[in-house]
Structures are given as structure tokens and as C-alpha cells.
């Protein structure tokens, strides 16, 4: 079981480098899909829903709800954290975002799905560093893995291990301890 301080440290390692990146065409595409989804479900279009969607689609990587909440409040003003959680569920149902478990025992992270390729993540179990890995050369092989009766929507792979930096530090420590 990972201690709560370690969970917080790993979460912070993921979100500390996040920034907003403007991409109007992508945001417009996601907004159109959301509007269509909401209309089909007879749900109303609210500024909060549109603002939360826009922030998730501007973020440079996956984020947890608290980080999304912080960015929404910085860009658009007050919105409750419970509204962020509610809209995240709505966006998951609309298949506009995907849910990732990047920190064992920690919060789930969410990332955009439109115009993004399937990719994997490598996560260092020591420092919490997360790297996005391209799966382009493996994607066709991975798509054939599910059974015939399974309709594959997306692929998400997460590798846990030790990054080169942490391995190097550990090896130096071992060499010093042998002396």
C-alpha cells in the first residue's frame, strides 16, 4: 500500500508541467460532438460544460479533477468541484475523454480523445515521472488481440517501472555503499 504522501508526490509530478495550449479547431470539433450528444440526451448546454470541455482539450496532458478545476477557475471564474466531477462523467459518456489510472491509490486522470492517437504511458514507480509513448508501430497488432465479439473503442497501456534517472541514482548509491 502506497502512503498518502507518496500518492500526492506522484500526482504532483504529473500535473506540475501541465499548461494550456490553444487549439481552436480541436476545441470546436469537441464542442460540436458535445452539442450533438447533449441534444440526443435532451440535456441542456451550460457554460460550465463548455468551459470544462475547453480546458480539458487545451491541457497539454492528462489531468486529475482538482487540476482541471484549478484551470477552469483560472480561465473562466468560479465553478464547483462537484460540477467538474459531474461534467467529467458526462464527457466520459460522450466518449470525449478517457479515464486513466496513472497513480496507484490516487485520483483518476482524464485526457481528450478526439484527434489523439492511442498511446501508452511509462510511469516511474520511484519519482512518479510519466512519459507518453507512441504505439503507432504496434497498434495493428494490438487491435487484433480482443475476441471477435469485442468492439474495441480505445487502447490504453500503462507501464510501471524505474526511469533511467532513478536507476542511475540507485546504481550510484549501491556503488557508494559497497565502498
Foldseek 3Di string as FASTA:
>chain_A
DDDPVLLVQLQCLVPVPKDFADDVVVLVVLVVLLVVLCVVVVHDDDPLLSLLSNRQQRIPDWHFLVSSLVVSCVVPNDDDSVSSVVSVVVCVVSVQKDWADLGVVYGIIIHGDPPDAAWEWEAEPPRNHIDTGDCVVPVVVVVPPDDPPDDDDGDYYYHYHHDPVRVVVVVVVVVVVVD
